[in-house]
Amino acid sequence: MNGTFSNEKIIYLPLDERPCNYHYPVQLASMTDLVLIVPPLSLLGMKKQPAQYESLRQWLEKEVVDATRLIVSLDLLLYGGIVPSRLHHLTNKECEDRLELLKHLKAINPSLKIYANNLILRVPFDDNDDEEPSYCAQHGRKLYEYKRMLDKGERENLSEFEMNSLTKLTMKIPSNVLTDFTDRRATNAYVNRMAIRYADEGIIDKLVIPLDGNGRDGYSAKEHHELLFMVDKSNLVDRVMLYPGADEIGCTLLAGVFCEIKNYFPEAYVRYSSTQGPFMIPRYEDRSLNESIKSHMTAAGVFMADSSTESDFVLMVNAPPLSQSETNESYQNSQKCSCSYHSEIHLNEFRQALRAYSKKGLFIALADVAVCSGADHKLMKLLSKGNELNLLGAYAAWNTSGNTLGTVIAHAVIASYYSKETPQETIAVWRERSKSFMLRRLIEDWGYQTVVRSEVIAEVLPELDVTPMDLGSRGDELRGVIKEGLNEFCSTYLMGMTGGKPQVADVKLPWHRMFEVDFTLVGDESVQAGTNDLDGALA
């Protein structure tokens, strides 16, 4: 750090309006001297309702005039968001016309750098239409199995049983359902190919194509392989990346931009809690955990260190000792885990390592990916008991492994840059915001996703006769229950945090369901987009 402030203006068009996409990057940017501009929430959609393309186009044309960089979700720009990307009926030509806007923005501001992301469309793993077309309530799993079997048949001979299963699946899926599903996938795949061509032409400076909820075979895998071939043929491996992820991508690209602007090349040492952890394939992903970590680091401007001695931060990874699909979700009782979950992981040794790194003055980030959809309650209770949560500089443990990795690495990149500097008044404010962001991760990822949410789903929802995905008219009542539960969690596990016990003030359920939560903290002055006078801009 050279003591000067950049004040570079960066435009950010998020994947959708949820806090993980809209608020997290804004909160990370508030720890820096960068100026992050986001569109007003009124221009974005609401779950299945797409964002307003024409309004976004006009907003972008105005804002890019004096901007240096644009971080843009093509899913939002073209389709209206992550869920609308699974529902739209746009033609290839309509998508081409909308994507042309990037060329127009470059014409307005030739020095503008564009960092784009666009998902490989996921396939539902089960029968659920909450974020999918309505027919997925009945045919979601069949669509997944259908393509998985087709894909396998292209690589090897199917057994007689598998052939019969494929025939039955084909008969069970209505032709109009299959046509709608495959046509949309073809359009979205076409957009990804166009995005790669834009990267080849220099319109897009960097492109990340996250694999949303993918596996080693099926629709996503096939498209992934085709796009990889295209990237290799165009010699774009240095500018186009494909790896598992989705809702963390805004944080990741912001961290990468931060490193470019600051000329910062952070070095991170990775330390695992289990011997087998680096080789395990996380749930909803197609590759080993260590390879995914490399991808998230590279996209964020980080490289993997050989030792902790000279590293800018240590990424401590609480990794599953066996595949996440063989362990459990965070809300399930640990007694239901495989014995290997307990015998092939040593949490106390992991805790000792954390203490040792802290004594050496190293910045510590904890990626808690041992289970899906939340924190490893056993580890976190151990750290709380020893008052070691204060030793952490960054933490995440939400939803998928990729979501967690992208979020915690991005936070560690930014926070580690300022961690070794003399605390000027402004930098001291940024550090407080960094602590606040980590505190929010502890409360949301551990407190809500692991503890409170599971308790409310098991004990409260049945009494109210509502489901986790549809809270009916009981939203206000449940927000009160959740607020009480989170404050009880803070009293139980976060009493030893520097600054005293946090207190949750206002609770929101963004999509009127139990899956995600938003909240404010009493006395927290952290900047949050879309609230008060900050609707649309952060400086």
Protein backbone atom coordinates (compact mmCIF):
# COMPACT_ATOMS: atom_id res chain seq x y z
CA MET A 1 0.00 0.00 0.00
CA ASN A 2 1.48 3.34 -1.06
CA GLY A 3 -0.70 5.63 1.07
CA THR A 4 -2.70 7.07 -1.83
CA PHE A 5 -6.36 6.41 -2.54
CA SER A 6 -7.59 5.32 -5.95
CA ASN A 7 -11.29 6.29 -5.81
CA GLU A 8 -11.82 4.34 -9.03
CA LYS A 9 -15.44 4.07 -10.08
CA ILE A 10 -16.59 0.50 -10.67
CA ILE A 11 -20.03 -0.40 -11.99
CA TYR A 12 -21.48 -3.62 -10.59
CA LEU A 13 -24.45 -5.43 -12.12
CA PRO A 14 -25.23 -8.37 -9.77
CA LEU A 15 -26.59 -11.82 -10.54
CA ASP A 16 -29.85 -10.96 -8.78
CA GLU A 17 -31.32 -8.97 -5.89
CA ARG A 18 -30.57 -11.36 -3.01
CA PRO A 19 -28.15 -10.17 -0.29
CA CYS A 20 -25.40 -12.61 -1.34
CA ASN A 21 -25.26 -11.01 -4.78
CA TYR A 22 -26.39 -7.45 -4.06
CA HIS A 23 -25.10 -6.67 -0.55
CA TYR A 24 -21.97 -8.81 -0.05
CA PRO A 25 -19.85 -7.16 -2.78
CA VAL A 26 -21.04 -3.72 -1.63
CA GLN A 27 -20.00 -4.51 1.93
CA LEU A 28 -16.60 -5.74 0.72
CA ALA A 29 -16.09 -2.60 -1.35
CA SER A 30 -16.91 -0.47 1.71
CA MET A 31 -13.65 -1.76 3.23
CA THR A 32 -11.68 -0.07 0.43
CA ASP A 33 -11.22 3.25 -1.36
CA LEU A 34 -12.99 1.93 -4.45
CA VAL A 35 -16.29 3.48 -5.50
CA LEU A 36 -18.77 0.71 -6.28
CA ILE A 37 -21.96 1.72 -8.07
CA VAL A 38 -24.90 -0.68 -8.09
CA PRO A 39 -28.31 -0.24 -9.71
CA PRO A 40 -31.27 0.63 -7.50
CA LEU A 41 -33.17 -2.41 -6.28
CA SER A 42 -36.20 -1.04 -8.08
CA LEU A 43 -34.53 -1.90 -11.41
CA LEU A 44 -33.86 -5.48 -10.42
CA GLY A 45 -36.35 -8.32 -10.45
CA MET A 46 -37.86 -10.41 -7.69
CA LYS A 47 -37.11 -14.12 -7.88
CA LYS A 48 -39.06 -15.30 -10.96
CA GLN A 49 -39.87 -11.75 -12.07
CA PRO A 50 -37.03 -10.58 -14.35
CA ALA A 51 -35.16 -7.29 -14.05
CA GLN A 52 -36.09 -4.44 -16.38
CA TYR A 53 -33.68 -4.62 -19.33
CA GLU A 54 -34.48 -1.22 -20.86
CA SER A 55 -34.14 0.54 -17.51
CA LEU A 56 -30.84 -1.23 -16.82
CA ARG A 57 -29.59 -0.31 -20.30
CA GLN A 58 -30.31 3.37 -19.71
CA TRP A 59 -28.75 3.22 -16.25
CA LEU A 60 -25.58 1.59 -17.60
CA GLU A 61 -25.23 4.07 -20.46
CA LYS A 62 -25.30 6.90 -17.95
CA GLU A 63 -22.99 5.39 -15.34
CA VAL A 64 -20.17 4.05 -17.56
CA VAL A 65 -19.22 7.49 -18.87
CA ASP A 66 -16.70 8.09 -16.07
CA ALA A 67 -16.22 4.50 -14.84
CA THR A 68 -13.01 2.51 -15.19
CA ARG A 69 -14.47 -0.99 -14.86
CA LEU A 70 -17.74 -2.87 -15.24
CA ILE A 71 -18.46 -6.11 -13.39
CA VAL A 72 -21.51 -7.52 -15.13
CA SER A 73 -23.70 -10.59 -14.76
CA LEU A 74 -24.90 -11.54 -18.22
CA ASP A 75 -27.61 -13.64 -16.58
CA LEU A 76 -29.09 -10.44 -15.18
CA LEU A 77 -28.45 -8.29 -18.23
CA LEU A 78 -29.91 -10.71 -20.77
CA TYR A 79 -32.46 -12.80 -18.87
CA GLY A 80 -33.23 -10.69 -15.81
CA GLY A 81 -31.50 -12.76 -13.10
CA ILE A 82 -30.50 -16.26 -12.09
CA VAL A 83 -34.03 -17.65 -11.79
CA PRO A 84 -35.33 -15.92 -14.95
CA SER A 85 -32.39 -17.52 -16.79
CA ARG A 86 -34.18 -20.84 -16.16
CA LEU A 87 -37.60 -19.55 -17.25
CA HIS A 88 -37.17 -17.16 -20.20
CA HIS A 89 -38.30 -17.68 -23.80
CA LEU A 90 -35.83 -15.34 -25.48
CA THR A 91 -34.54 -16.21 -28.94
CA ASN A 92 -30.88 -16.30 -29.90
CA LYS A 93 -31.38 -13.06 -31.84
CA GLU A 94 -32.92 -11.29 -28.85
CA CYS A 95 -29.96 -12.37 -26.71
CA GLU A 96 -27.52 -11.18 -29.38
CA ASP A 97 -29.17 -7.77 -29.45
CA ARG A 98 -28.98 -7.42 -25.67
CA LEU A 99 -25.37 -8.55 -25.54
CA GLU A 100 -24.51 -5.91 -28.17
CA LEU A 101 -24.96 -3.41 -25.34
CA LEU A 102 -21.44 -4.29 -24.13
CA LYS A 103 -20.00 -3.07 -27.44
CA HIS A 104 -22.06 0.09 -27.14
CA LEU A 105 -20.76 0.71 -23.61
CA LYS A 106 -17.18 0.31 -24.84
CA ALA A 107 -17.94 2.83 -27.57
CA ILE A 108 -19.19 5.30 -24.95
CA ASN A 109 -16.06 4.73 -22.84
CA PRO A 110 -13.24 3.05 -24.84
CA SER A 111 -11.04 2.69 -21.74
CA LEU A 112 -13.74 0.74 -19.86
CA LYS A 113 -12.69 -2.76 -18.78
CA ILE A 114 -15.45 -5.36 -18.65
CA TYR A 115 -15.41 -8.34 -16.28
CA ALA A 116 -18.34 -10.58 -17.16
CA ASN A 117 -19.84 -13.73 -15.73
CA ASN A 118 -22.53 -16.04 -17.06
CA LEU A 119 -23.63 -19.35 -15.58
CA ILE A 120 -23.87 -22.73 -17.22
CA LEU A 121 -27.56 -23.41 -16.63
CA ARG A 122 -28.10 -25.93 -13.86
CA VAL A 123 -30.35 -28.99 -13.97
CA PRO A 124 -32.59 -29.58 -10.93
CA PHE A 125 -31.51 -32.58 -8.86
CA ASP A 126 -35.04 -33.22 -7.58
CA ASP A 127 -38.71 -32.48 -8.16
CA ASN A 128 -38.95 -28.85 -7.09
CA ASP A 129 -40.19 -25.82 -9.00
CA ASP A 130 -39.34 -23.13 -6.44
CA GLU A 131 -36.62 -21.70 -8.72
CA GLU A 132 -37.42 -23.69 -11.87
CA PRO A 133 -40.20 -24.02 -14.48
CA SER A 134 -43.45 -25.30 -12.99
CA TYR A 135 -43.08 -28.69 -14.66
CA CYS A 136 -39.97 -29.39 -12.59
CA ALA A 137 -42.25 -30.06 -9.62
CA GLN A 138 -43.12 -33.30 -11.39
CA HIS A 139 -40.31 -33.88 -13.87
CA GLY A 140 -37.18 -32.25 -12.39
CA ARG A 141 -35.45 -35.43 -11.31
CA LYS A 142 -36.42 -37.24 -14.50
CA LEU A 143 -34.85 -34.49 -16.62
CA TYR A 144 -31.63 -34.82 -14.64
CA GLU A 145 -31.50 -38.61 -14.93
CA TYR A 146 -32.47 -38.54 -18.61
CA LYS A 147 -29.48 -36.46 -19.69
CA ARG A 148 -27.14 -38.17 -17.25
CA MET A 149 -27.94 -41.50 -18.89
CA LEU A 150 -27.65 -40.07 -22.41
CA ASP A 151 -24.29 -38.53 -21.57
CA LYS A 152 -23.03 -41.77 -20.07
CA GLY A 153 -24.20 -43.68 -23.16
CA GLU A 154 -22.05 -41.44 -25.37
CA ARG A 155 -18.93 -42.40 -23.40
CA GLU A 156 -19.57 -46.09 -22.75
CA ASN A 157 -22.02 -48.87 -23.44
CA LEU A 158 -25.07 -48.81 -21.20
CA SER A 159 -26.15 -52.02 -19.53
CA GLU A 160 -29.46 -53.59 -20.46
CA PHE A 161 -30.94 -52.31 -17.20
CA GLU A 162 -29.71 -48.78 -17.95
CA MET A 163 -31.08 -48.92 -21.48
CA ASN A 164 -34.48 -49.95 -20.15
CA SER A 165 -34.34 -47.17 -17.56
CA LEU A 166 -33.53 -44.62 -20.26
CA THR A 167 -36.43 -45.84 -22.40
CA LYS A 168 -38.83 -45.52 -19.48
CA LEU A 169 -37.56 -42.03 -18.67
CA THR A 170 -38.06 -40.94 -22.27
CA MET A 171 -41.66 -42.14 -22.15
CA LYS A 172 -42.36 -40.42 -18.81
CA ILE A 173 -41.15 -36.95 -19.82
CA PRO A 174 -43.77 -35.10 -21.94
CA SER A 175 -42.37 -33.98 -25.29
CA ASN A 176 -43.36 -30.34 -24.71
CA VAL A 177 -41.52 -30.35 -21.38
CA LEU A 178 -38.35 -31.77 -22.92
CA THR A 179 -38.55 -29.32 -25.83
CA ASP A 180 -38.98 -26.30 -23.57
CA PHE A 181 -36.14 -27.39 -21.32
CA THR A 182 -33.65 -28.25 -24.09
CA ASP A 183 -34.48 -25.17 -26.20
CA ARG A 184 -33.73 -22.87 -23.28
CA ARG A 185 -30.49 -24.70 -22.56
CA ALA A 186 -29.49 -24.32 -26.19
CA THR A 187 -30.10 -20.57 -26.05
CA ASN A 188 -28.15 -20.15 -22.82
CA ALA A 189 -25.30 -22.24 -24.24
CA TYR A 190 -25.30 -20.02 -27.32
CA VAL A 191 -24.93 -16.96 -25.08
CA ASN A 192 -21.90 -18.52 -23.39
CA ARG A 193 -20.31 -19.14 -26.79
CA MET A 194 -21.02 -15.52 -27.76
CA ALA A 195 -19.44 -14.33 -24.50
CA ILE A 196 -16.28 -16.29 -25.30
CA ARG A 197 -16.20 -14.69 -28.76
CA TYR A 198 -16.56 -11.29 -27.12
CA ALA A 199 -13.56 -12.14 -24.96
CA ASP A 200 -11.63 -13.14 -28.07
CA GLU A 201 -12.52 -9.80 -29.69
CA GLY A 202 -11.46 -7.83 -26.60
CA ILE A 203 -14.94 -6.56 -25.75
CA ILE A 204 -14.94 -8.63 -22.56
CA ASP A 205 -11.60 -8.34 -20.78
CA LYS A 206 -12.17 -11.23 -18.37
CA LEU A 207 -14.90 -13.84 -18.33
CA VAL A 208 -15.89 -16.37 -15.69
CA ILE A 209 -18.45 -19.06 -16.53
CA PRO A 210 -19.49 -20.66 -13.22
CA LEU A 211 -20.95 -24.16 -13.25
CA ASP A 212 -24.13 -23.84 -11.22
CA GLY A 213 -25.07 -27.08 -9.43
CA ASN A 214 -23.18 -29.38 -11.77
CA GLY A 215 -21.77 -32.91 -11.79
CA ARG A 216 -19.44 -35.04 -13.87
CA ASP A 217 -22.07 -35.97 -16.42
CA GLY A 218 -25.32 -34.64 -17.82
CA TYR A 219 -26.29 -31.38 -19.52
CA SER A 220 -23.86 -29.14 -17.60
CA ALA A 221 -20.90 -31.47 -18.05
CA LYS A 222 -21.43 -31.73 -21.80
CA GLU A 223 -21.71 -27.98 -22.26
CA HIS A 224 -18.71 -27.47 -19.98
CA HIS A 225 -16.55 -29.71 -22.16
CA GLU A 226 -17.67 -27.97 -25.36
CA LEU A 227 -16.88 -24.53 -23.93
CA LEU A 228 -13.49 -25.67 -22.64
CA PHE A 229 -12.61 -26.82 -26.16
CA MET A 230 -13.66 -23.44 -27.54
CA VAL A 231 -11.57 -21.58 -24.95
CA ASP A 232 -8.53 -23.73 -25.70
CA LYS A 233 -8.94 -23.38 -29.47
CA SER A 234 -9.09 -19.59 -29.10
CA ASN A 235 -6.10 -19.59 -26.72
CA LEU A 236 -8.11 -17.78 -24.03
CA VAL A 237 -7.21 -19.87 -20.99
CA ASP A 238 -5.70 -16.78 -19.36
CA ARG A 239 -8.88 -14.71 -19.78
CA VAL A 240 -11.77 -17.18 -19.58
CA MET A 241 -12.34 -19.48 -16.60
CA LEU A 242 -14.91 -22.22 -16.01
CA TYR A 243 -15.33 -23.75 -12.55
CA PRO A 244 -18.08 -24.63 -10.01
CA GLY A 245 -19.85 -21.69 -8.41
CA ALA A 246 -22.67 -19.16 -8.75
CA ASP A 247 -23.74 -16.66 -6.07
CA GLU A 248 -20.21 -15.84 -4.90
CA ILE A 249 -19.04 -14.62 -8.30
CA GLY A 250 -19.66 -10.92 -7.62
CA CYS A 251 -17.36 -11.05 -4.60
CA THR A 252 -14.72 -12.98 -6.54
CA LEU A 253 -14.58 -10.58 -9.48
CA LEU A 254 -14.51 -7.58 -7.15
CA ALA A 255 -11.47 -9.07 -5.38
CA GLY A 256 -9.76 -9.64 -8.72
CA VAL A 257 -10.39 -6.03 -9.75
CA PHE A 258 -9.11 -4.85 -6.36
CA CYS A 259 -5.84 -6.75 -6.87
CA GLU A 260 -5.41 -5.26 -10.35
CA ILE A 261 -5.97 -1.71 -9.17
CA LYS A 262 -3.69 -2.09 -6.14
CA ASN A 263 -1.07 -4.09 -8.04
CA TYR A 264 -1.46 -6.63 -5.25
CA PHE A 265 -0.43 -10.27 -5.78
CA PRO A 266 -1.59 -12.01 -2.60
CA GLU A 267 -0.07 -15.33 -1.68
CA ALA A 268 -2.24 -17.74 0.32
CA TYR A 269 -1.23 -20.89 2.14
CA VAL A 270 -3.94 -23.56 2.30
CA ARG A 271 -4.20 -25.70 5.44
CA TYR A 272 -6.74 -28.55 5.66
CA SER A 273 -8.45 -30.13 8.66
CA SER A 274 -8.43 -33.62 7.11
CA THR A 275 -5.87 -35.63 5.15
CA GLN A 276 -8.37 -36.64 2.47
CA GLY A 277 -10.00 -33.21 2.30
CA PRO A 278 -8.10 -31.85 -0.72
CA PHE A 279 -9.16 -34.83 -2.82
CA MET A 280 -12.85 -34.92 -1.95
CA ILE A 281 -15.43 -33.80 -4.50
CA PRO A 282 -17.90 -31.38 -2.88
CA ARG A 283 -21.59 -31.89 -3.39
CA TYR A 284 -23.00 -30.19 -6.52
CA GLU A 285 -19.50 -30.03 -8.07
CA ASP A 286 -17.42 -32.01 -10.54
CA ARG A 287 -13.85 -31.82 -9.25
CA SER A 288 -11.66 -32.19 -6.19
CA LEU A 289 -11.85 -29.51 -3.51
CA ASN A 290 -8.23 -28.46 -3.99
CA GLU A 291 -8.75 -27.85 -7.71
CA SER A 292 -11.83 -25.75 -6.96
CA ILE A 293 -9.81 -23.71 -4.47
CA LYS A 294 -7.19 -23.04 -7.16
CA SER A 295 -9.91 -21.74 -9.48
CA HIS A 296 -11.48 -19.43 -6.90
CA MET A 297 -8.05 -18.11 -5.93
CA THR A 298 -6.96 -17.49 -9.50
CA ALA A 299 -10.18 -15.64 -10.35
CA ALA A 300 -9.69 -13.45 -7.25
CA GLY A 301 -6.08 -12.63 -8.10
CA VAL A 302 -4.51 -14.99 -5.53
CA PHE A 303 -1.86 -17.67 -5.98
CA MET A 304 -1.31 -20.71 -3.78
CA ALA A 305 1.75 -20.56 -1.52
CA ASP A 306 4.13 -23.42 -0.74
CA SER A 307 4.37 -22.49 2.94
CA SER A 308 2.75 -20.17 5.45
CA THR A 309 5.97 -18.30 6.21
CA GLU A 310 5.76 -15.60 3.54
CA SER A 311 2.05 -15.83 2.79
CA ASP A 312 -0.28 -12.84 2.90
CA PHE A 313 -2.96 -14.98 4.49
CA VAL A 314 -3.62 -18.55 5.54
CA LEU A 315 -6.76 -20.16 4.15
CA MET A 316 -7.76 -22.74 6.71
CA VAL A 317 -10.15 -25.21 5.08
CA ASN A 318 -12.37 -27.30 7.28
CA ALA A 319 -12.73 -29.97 4.64
CA PRO A 320 -14.92 -33.07 4.48
CA PRO A 321 -12.93 -36.26 5.15
CA LEU A 322 -15.19 -37.94 2.58
CA SER A 323 -17.46 -36.74 -0.19
CA GLN A 324 -20.04 -34.19 0.95
CA SER A 325 -22.73 -36.34 -0.64
CA GLU A 326 -21.75 -39.05 1.85
CA THR A 327 -21.77 -36.75 4.89
CA ASN A 328 -24.79 -34.58 5.57
CA GLU A 329 -26.33 -31.16 5.39
CA SER A 330 -25.39 -28.84 8.24
CA TYR A 331 -28.84 -29.08 9.80
CA GLN A 332 -28.70 -32.87 10.18
CA ASN A 333 -27.62 -34.53 13.40
CA SER A 334 -23.89 -35.30 13.39
CA GLN A 335 -24.68 -38.75 14.79
CA LYS A 336 -26.04 -39.61 11.36
CA CYS A 337 -22.66 -38.95 9.74
CA SER A 338 -20.41 -41.73 8.56
CA CYS A 339 -17.84 -42.86 11.12
CA SER A 340 -15.17 -41.52 8.76
CA TYR A 341 -16.51 -38.04 9.36
CA HIS A 342 -15.20 -38.32 12.92
CA SER A 343 -12.18 -40.62 12.50
CA GLU A 344 -10.64 -38.99 9.40
CA ILE A 345 -10.69 -35.43 10.70
CA HIS A 346 -8.90 -33.89 13.69
CA LEU A 347 -10.62 -30.69 14.75
CA ASN A 348 -8.55 -30.09 17.87
CA GLU A 349 -5.32 -30.28 15.86
CA PHE A 350 -6.88 -27.89 13.35
CA ARG A 351 -7.68 -25.54 16.22
CA GLN A 352 -4.10 -25.74 17.50
CA ALA A 353 -2.80 -24.84 14.04
CA LEU A 354 -5.11 -21.83 13.95
CA ARG A 355 -3.71 -20.62 17.27
CA ALA A 356 -0.14 -21.13 16.06
CA TYR A 357 -0.68 -19.15 12.87
CA SER A 358 -2.26 -16.36 14.89
CA LYS A 359 0.72 -16.18 17.25
CA LYS A 360 2.93 -15.70 14.19
CA GLY A 361 0.84 -12.68 13.23
CA LEU A 362 -0.63 -14.27 10.11
CA PHE A 363 -4.01 -13.23 8.72
CA ILE A 364 -6.36 -16.22 9.00
CA ALA A 365 -9.39 -16.97 6.84
CA LEU A 366 -11.57 -20.00 7.58
CA ALA A 367 -13.47 -21.73 4.78
CA ASP A 368 -15.89 -24.05 6.56
CA VAL A 369 -16.91 -26.54 3.84
CA ALA A 370 -17.09 -29.80 5.79
CA VAL A 371 -20.87 -29.92 5.30
CA CYS A 372 -23.35 -28.29 2.92
CA SER A 373 -25.73 -25.46 3.72
CA GLY A 374 -23.99 -24.05 6.75
CA ALA A 375 -21.22 -24.44 9.29
CA ASP A 376 -19.66 -27.42 11.01
CA HIS A 377 -21.32 -26.90 14.38
CA LYS A 378 -18.83 -29.15 16.15
CA LEU A 379 -15.82 -27.09 15.02
CA MET A 380 -17.44 -23.74 15.64
CA LYS A 381 -18.51 -24.66 19.17
CA LEU A 382 -14.89 -25.65 19.84
CA LEU A 383 -13.57 -22.30 18.60
CA SER A 384 -16.21 -20.40 20.55
CA LYS A 385 -15.34 -22.29 23.73
CA GLY A 386 -11.66 -21.34 23.42
CA ASN A 387 -12.47 -17.72 22.46
CA GLU A 388 -10.64 -18.31 19.18
CA LEU A 389 -13.23 -16.80 16.86
CA ASN A 390 -11.48 -13.47 17.43
CA LEU A 391 -8.37 -14.92 15.78
CA LEU A 392 -10.17 -15.11 12.45
CA GLY A 393 -9.97 -12.32 9.90
CA ALA A 394 -12.49 -13.86 7.48
CA TYR A 395 -15.04 -16.67 7.60
CA ALA A 396 -17.74 -18.23 5.44
CA ALA A 397 -19.84 -21.40 5.53
CA TRP A 398 -22.92 -20.92 3.39
CA ASN A 399 -24.80 -23.09 0.93
CA THR A 400 -22.30 -24.79 -1.43
CA SER A 401 -18.56 -25.23 -1.18
CA GLY A 402 -18.07 -22.81 -4.08
CA ASN A 403 -20.26 -20.15 -2.47
CA THR A 404 -18.20 -20.37 0.71
CA LEU A 405 -14.79 -20.38 -0.99
CA GLY A 406 -15.49 -17.42 -3.24
CA THR A 407 -16.83 -15.30 -0.39
CA VAL A 408 -14.12 -15.98 2.16
CA ILE A 409 -11.26 -15.70 -0.33
CA ALA A 410 -12.54 -12.35 -1.61
CA HIS A 411 -12.82 -11.03 1.95
CA ALA A 412 -9.33 -12.31 2.81
CA VAL A 413 -7.82 -10.65 -0.26
CA ILE A 414 -9.15 -7.21 0.65
CA ALA A 415 -8.68 -7.45 4.42
CA SER A 416 -5.14 -8.87 4.20
CA TYR A 417 -4.06 -5.95 2.01
CA TYR A 418 -4.79 -3.50 4.81
CA SER A 419 -3.88 -5.78 7.74
CA LYS A 420 -0.19 -4.87 7.85
CA GLU A 421 -0.59 -1.11 7.56
CA THR A 422 -0.48 1.53 10.30
CA PRO A 423 -4.14 2.22 11.13
CA GLN A 424 -4.83 5.64 9.67
CA GLU A 425 -8.26 6.93 10.57
CA THR A 426 -9.82 5.91 7.25
CA ILE A 427 -8.18 2.49 7.25
CA ALA A 428 -9.36 1.93 10.82
CA VAL A 429 -12.94 2.45 9.59
CA TRP A 430 -12.37 -0.06 6.80
CA ARG A 431 -11.04 -2.58 9.30
CA GLU A 432 -14.13 -2.17 11.45
CA ARG A 433 -16.27 -2.83 8.39
CA SER A 434 -14.20 -5.92 7.70
CA LYS A 435 -14.83 -7.20 11.22
CA SER A 436 -18.52 -6.47 10.78
CA PHE A 437 -18.64 -8.49 7.57
CA MET A 438 -17.06 -11.49 9.29
CA LEU A 439 -19.44 -11.11 12.24
CA ARG A 440 -22.34 -11.21 9.81
CA ARG A 441 -20.96 -14.41 8.31
CA LEU A 442 -20.77 -16.01 11.73
CA ILE A 443 -24.35 -15.05 12.53
CA GLU A 444 -25.81 -15.91 9.13
CA ASP A 445 -23.75 -18.90 8.02
CA TRP A 446 -23.39 -20.56 11.41
CA GLY A 447 -26.15 -19.01 13.52
CA TYR A 448 -28.92 -19.03 10.94
CA GLN A 449 -28.11 -21.70 8.38
CA THR A 450 -26.84 -24.26 10.89
CA VAL A 451 -28.71 -23.59 14.13
CA VAL A 452 -31.78 -21.35 13.96
CA ARG A 453 -33.09 -22.31 10.54
CA SER A 454 -33.06 -26.04 11.30
CA GLU A 455 -34.79 -25.48 14.64
CA VAL A 456 -37.50 -23.29 13.12
CA ILE A 457 -38.12 -25.73 10.26
CA ALA A 458 -38.36 -28.69 12.62
CA GLU A 459 -40.29 -27.12 15.50
CA VAL A 460 -42.13 -23.99 14.35
CA LEU A 461 -43.20 -24.44 10.73
CA PRO A 462 -45.31 -27.56 11.39
CA GLU A 463 -47.27 -25.69 14.07
CA LEU A 464 -47.91 -22.82 11.65
CA ASP A 465 -48.82 -25.19 8.81
CA VAL A 466 -46.35 -23.64 6.34
CA THR A 467 -43.37 -25.01 4.41
CA PRO A 468 -39.73 -23.82 4.20
CA MET A 469 -40.28 -22.62 0.62
CA ASP A 470 -43.66 -20.96 1.20
CA LEU A 471 -44.26 -19.13 4.47
CA GLY A 472 -47.78 -18.07 3.55
CA SER A 473 -49.13 -15.32 5.78
CA ARG A 474 -46.78 -16.19 8.66
CA GLY A 475 -43.76 -14.19 7.46
CA ASP A 476 -43.93 -11.46 10.12
CA GLU A 477 -44.37 -13.98 12.90
CA LEU A 478 -41.45 -16.06 11.67
CA ARG A 479 -39.17 -13.06 11.37
CA GLY A 480 -39.76 -12.41 15.05
CA VAL A 481 -39.00 -16.03 15.91
CA ILE A 482 -35.81 -15.93 13.84
CA LYS A 483 -34.69 -12.66 15.42
CA GLU A 484 -35.15 -14.15 18.88
CA GLY A 485 -33.28 -17.29 17.85
CA LEU A 486 -30.35 -15.38 16.38
CA ASN A 487 -29.98 -13.24 19.49
CA GLU A 488 -30.06 -16.36 21.64
CA PHE A 489 -27.35 -17.82 19.39
CA CYS A 490 -25.25 -14.67 19.85
CA SER A 491 -25.65 -14.89 23.63
CA THR A 492 -24.59 -18.53 23.61
CA TYR A 493 -21.68 -18.53 21.16
CA LEU A 494 -20.54 -14.96 20.40
CA MET A 495 -20.28 -13.44 23.89
CA GLY A 496 -16.48 -13.41 23.63
CA MET A 497 -16.31 -11.44 20.38
CA THR A 498 -14.28 -8.23 20.44
CA GLY A 499 -16.67 -5.34 20.93
CA GLY A 500 -19.13 -7.37 22.96
CA LYS A 501 -22.09 -9.56 22.11
CA PRO A 502 -23.75 -8.58 18.82
CA GLN A 503 -27.49 -7.95 18.74
CA VAL A 504 -29.69 -8.63 15.73
CA ALA A 505 -32.22 -5.85 15.11
CA ASP A 506 -34.19 -6.29 11.92
CA VAL A 507 -34.74 -9.62 10.13
CA LYS A 508 -35.88 -10.04 6.53
CA LEU A 509 -36.61 -13.13 4.44
CA PRO A 510 -35.81 -11.90 0.90
CA TRP A 511 -37.73 -14.51 -1.11
CA HIS A 512 -40.37 -15.21 1.55
CA ARG A 513 -38.80 -18.55 2.37
CA MET A 514 -36.42 -20.04 4.95
CA PHE A 515 -33.47 -20.57 2.62
CA GLU A 516 -31.78 -17.18 3.05
CA VAL A 517 -32.00 -14.35 5.56
CA ASP A 518 -31.04 -10.69 5.82
CA PHE A 519 -30.67 -8.65 9.00
CA THR A 520 -29.20 -5.56 10.61
CA LEU A 521 -27.09 -5.35 13.76
CA VAL A 522 -27.60 -2.83 16.54
CA GLY A 523 -24.91 -0.16 16.36
CA ASP A 524 -23.46 -1.47 13.09
CA GLU A 525 -22.67 1.37 10.70
CA SER A 526 -21.54 -0.85 7.83
CA VAL A 527 -22.60 0.32 4.42
CA GLN A 528 -25.33 -1.71 2.77
CA ALA A 529 -26.68 -1.10 -0.72
CA GLY A 530 -30.33 -0.55 -1.33
CA THR A 531 -31.04 1.00 2.08
CA ASN A 532 -31.68 4.57 3.15
CA ASP A 533 -29.82 7.09 0.98
CA LEU A 534 -27.49 4.42 -0.43
CA ASP A 535 -30.00 2.97 -2.86
CA GLY A 536 -27.91 2.59 -5.98
CA ALA A 537 -24.53 3.93 -4.96
CA LEU A 538 -21.67 3.33 -2.60
CA ALA A 539 -18.70 5.58 -2.20
